[in-house]
Amino acid sequence: MKFFYVIPVEMVHAPANIGSHSLDLGNGKALICIDWKDDFQEAEWCAREGVMPLPHPIFQMAEPLQDEHIAHLKGRFAFNNGDNIHHLIRQAAKLDPWMRLHVL
């Protein structure tokens, strides 16, 4: 399952040997999606300073993105009030197809 995060651009290559794709947000931050193989790795990643997890694409799909997330993402993506993680994923997938939840 892919999870999405806003991170400092210098951390883009930090999840070595893990399937990840990123988009530079142009403000010193990047949107990264990582296909974790185990929960321990994901928890360890989230505990790092500078890692801002976005809502879970399945369990939190109806939750609107927080203002803090939108503040980092709005330079690259367009948002309306109440947009959720799937609105972001659709826009990101237009720039990089590997950002889709499932790649066929």
C-alpha atoms as a PDB file:
ATOM      1  CA  MET A   1       0.000   0.000   0.000  1.00  0.00           C
ATOM      2  CA  LYS A   2       1.333   3.421  -0.921  1.00  0.00           C
ATOM      3  CA  PHE A   3       1.420   6.161   1.698  1.00  0.00           C
ATOM      4  CA  PHE A   4       1.958   9.855   0.996  1.00  0.00           C
ATOM      5  CA  TYR A   5       4.080  12.400   2.859  1.00  0.00           C
ATOM      6  CA  VAL A   6       5.338  15.963   2.619  1.00  0.00           C
ATOM      7  CA  ILE A   7       9.061  15.991   3.380  1.00  0.00           C
ATOM      8  CA  PRO A   8      12.063  18.296   2.995  1.00  0.00           C
ATOM      9  CA  VAL A   9      13.574  17.780  -0.482  1.00  0.00           C
ATOM     10  CA  GLU A  10      16.888  16.653   1.009  1.00  0.00           C
ATOM     11  CA  MET A  11      15.102  13.565   2.391  1.00  0.00           C
ATOM     12  CA  VAL A  12      13.846  12.366  -1.015  1.00  0.00           C
ATOM     13  CA  HIS A  13      16.517   9.665  -1.257  1.00  0.00           C
ATOM     14  CA  ALA A  14      16.318   8.674   2.434  1.00  0.00           C
ATOM     15  CA  PRO A  15      13.992   5.664   1.995  1.00  0.00           C
ATOM     16  CA  ALA A  16      16.688   3.743   0.106  1.00  0.00           C
ATOM     17  CA  ASN A  17      15.782   0.362  -1.372  1.00  0.00           C
ATOM     18  CA  ILE A  18      12.079   1.052  -0.998  1.00  0.00           C
ATOM     19  CA  GLY A  19       9.684   1.759  -3.867  1.00  0.00           C
ATOM     20  CA  SER A  20       9.211   5.507  -3.723  1.00  0.00           C
ATOM     21  CA  HIS A  21       8.388   8.329  -6.117  1.00  0.00           C
ATOM     22  CA  SER A  22       8.493  12.031  -5.431  1.00  0.00           C
ATOM     23  CA  LEU A  23       7.523  15.392  -6.858  1.00  0.00           C
ATOM     24  CA  ASP A  24       9.374  18.584  -5.960  1.00  0.00           C
ATOM     25  CA  LEU A  25       6.914  21.137  -4.599  1.00  0.00           C
ATOM     26  CA  GLY A  26       9.234  24.050  -5.405  1.00  0.00           C
ATOM     27  CA  ASN A  27       9.304  25.362  -1.823  1.00  0.00           C
ATOM     28  CA  GLY A  28      11.999  23.196  -0.269  1.00  0.00           C
ATOM     29  CA  LYS A  29       9.468  20.393   0.233  1.00  0.00           C
ATOM     30  CA  ALA A  30       8.558  17.327  -1.802  1.00  0.00           C
ATOM     31  CA  LEU A  31       5.525  15.092  -2.047  1.00  0.00           C
ATOM     32  CA  ILE A  32       6.647  11.489  -1.772  1.00  0.00           C
ATOM     33  CA  CYS A  33       4.718   8.242  -2.012  1.00  0.00           C
ATOM     34  CA  ILE A  34       6.261   5.117  -0.565  1.00  0.00           C
ATOM     35  CA  ASP A  35       5.105   1.541  -1.017  1.00  0.00           C
ATOM     36  CA  TRP A  36       6.017   0.110   2.392  1.00  0.00           C
ATOM     37  CA  LYS A  37       6.590  -3.601   2.820  1.00  0.00           C
ATOM     38  CA  ASP A  38       6.174  -3.633   6.597  1.00  0.00           C
ATOM     39  CA  ASP A  39       4.606  -1.508   9.327  1.00  0.00           C
ATOM     40  CA  PHE A  40       7.836  -1.161  11.292  1.00  0.00           C
ATOM     41  CA  GLN A  41       9.586   0.648   8.426  1.00  0.00           C
ATOM     42  CA  GLU A  42       6.625   2.965   7.999  1.00  0.00           C
ATOM     43  CA  ALA A  43       6.472   3.811  11.720  1.00  0.00           C
ATOM     44  CA  GLU A  44      10.223   4.434  11.811  1.00  0.00           C
ATOM     45  CA  TRP A  45       9.934   6.776   8.795  1.00  0.00           C
ATOM     46  CA  CYS A  46       7.035   8.728  10.323  1.00  0.00           C
ATOM     47  CA  ALA A  47       9.060   9.307  13.511  1.00  0.00           C
ATOM     48  CA  ARG A  48      11.740  11.204  11.581  1.00  0.00           C
ATOM     49  CA  GLU A  49      11.888  14.948  11.958  1.00  0.00           C
ATOM     50  CA  GLY A  50      10.428  16.744   8.947  1.00  0.00           C
ATOM     51  CA  VAL A  51       8.176  13.888   7.795  1.00  0.00           C
ATOM     52  CA  MET A  52       4.553  15.045   7.562  1.00  0.00           C
ATOM     53  CA  PRO A  53       2.215  12.096   6.870  1.00  0.00           C
ATOM     54  CA  LEU A  54      -0.848  12.754   4.755  1.00  0.00           C
ATOM     55  CA  PRO A  55      -4.142  10.994   5.539  1.00  0.00           C
ATOM     56  CA  HIS A  56      -4.280   7.247   4.936  1.00  0.00           C
ATOM     57  CA  PRO A  57      -5.646   6.724   1.386  1.00  0.00           C
ATOM     58  CA  ILE A  58      -8.138   4.060   2.532  1.00  0.00           C
ATOM     59  CA  PHE A  59      -8.967   4.526   6.206  1.00  0.00           C
ATOM     60  CA  GLN A  60      -8.907   8.351   6.157  1.00  0.00           C
ATOM     61  CA  MET A  61      -9.980   8.949   2.568  1.00  0.00           C
ATOM     62  CA  ALA A  62     -12.926  11.186   3.489  1.00  0.00           C
ATOM     63  CA  GLU A  63     -10.928  13.448   5.795  1.00  0.00           C
ATOM     64  CA  PRO A  64     -10.139  16.825   4.258  1.00  0.00           C
ATOM     65  CA  LEU A  65      -6.482  17.700   3.951  1.00  0.00           C
ATOM     66  CA  GLN A  66      -5.306  19.863   6.832  1.00  0.00           C
ATOM     67  CA  ASP A  67      -4.364  23.497   6.320  1.00  0.00           C
ATOM     68  CA  GLU A  68      -0.771  22.632   7.193  1.00  0.00           C
ATOM     69  CA  HIS A  69      -0.635  20.099   4.333  1.00  0.00           C
ATOM     70  CA  ILE A  70      -2.288  22.452   1.863  1.00  0.00           C
ATOM     71  CA  ALA A  71       0.141  25.246   2.764  1.00  0.00           C
ATOM     72  CA  HIS A  72       3.023  23.095   1.479  1.00  0.00           C
ATOM     73  CA  LEU A  73       1.156  21.607  -1.499  1.00  0.00           C
ATOM     74  CA  LYS A  74      -0.737  24.606  -2.913  1.00  0.00           C
ATOM     75  CA  GLY A  75       2.199  25.942  -4.925  1.00  0.00           C
ATOM     76  CA  ARG A  76       2.077  22.833  -7.136  1.00  0.00           C
ATOM     77  CA  PHE A  77      -1.545  21.653  -6.808  1.00  0.00           C
ATOM     78  CA  ALA A  78      -4.974  23.290  -6.818  1.00  0.00           C
ATOM     79  CA  PHE A  79      -7.316  22.693  -3.907  1.00  0.00           C
ATOM     80  CA  ASN A  80     -10.906  23.443  -3.027  1.00  0.00           C
ATOM     81  CA  ASN A  81     -12.301  23.581   0.471  1.00  0.00           C
ATOM     82  CA  GLY A  82     -12.775  20.023   1.777  1.00  0.00           C
ATOM     83  CA  ASP A  83     -10.512  18.261  -0.754  1.00  0.00           C
ATOM     84  CA  ASN A  84      -9.075  14.976   0.500  1.00  0.00           C
ATOM     85  CA  ILE A  85      -6.102  12.711  -0.222  1.00  0.00           C
ATOM     86  CA  HIS A  86      -7.709  11.345  -3.389  1.00  0.00           C
ATOM     87  CA  HIS A  87      -7.995  14.825  -4.901  1.00  0.00           C
ATOM     88  CA  LEU A  88      -4.259  15.198  -4.339  1.00  0.00           C
ATOM     89  CA  ILE A  89      -3.431  11.725  -5.699  1.00  0.00           C
ATOM     90  CA  ARG A  90      -5.393  12.395  -8.912  1.00  0.00           C
ATOM     91  CA  GLN A  91      -3.456  15.609  -9.519  1.00  0.00           C
ATOM     92  CA  ALA A  92      -0.095  14.050  -8.635  1.00  0.00           C
ATOM     93  CA  ALA A  93      -0.740  11.052 -10.926  1.00  0.00           C
ATOM     94  CA  LYS A  94      -1.124  13.426 -13.874  1.00  0.00           C
ATOM     95  CA  LEU A  95       2.472  14.522 -13.281  1.00  0.00           C
ATOM     96  CA  ASP A  96       3.848  11.084 -12.386  1.00  0.00           C
ATOM     97  CA  PRO A  97       1.736   7.968 -13.080  1.00  0.00           C
ATOM     98  CA  TRP A  98       3.634   6.082 -10.349  1.00  0.00           C
ATOM     99  CA  MET A  99       1.888   8.328  -7.805  1.00  0.00           C
ATOM    100  CA  ARG A 100      -1.372   6.450  -8.398  1.00  0.00           C
ATOM    101  CA  LEU A 101      -2.406   4.102  -5.631  1.00  0.00           C
ATOM    102  CA  HIS A 102      -2.347   1.118  -7.986  1.00  0.00           C
ATOM    103  CA  VAL A 103      -0.256   0.941 -11.123  1.00  0.00           C
ATOM    104  CA  LEU A 104      -1.471  -1.653 -13.612  1.00  0.00           C
END
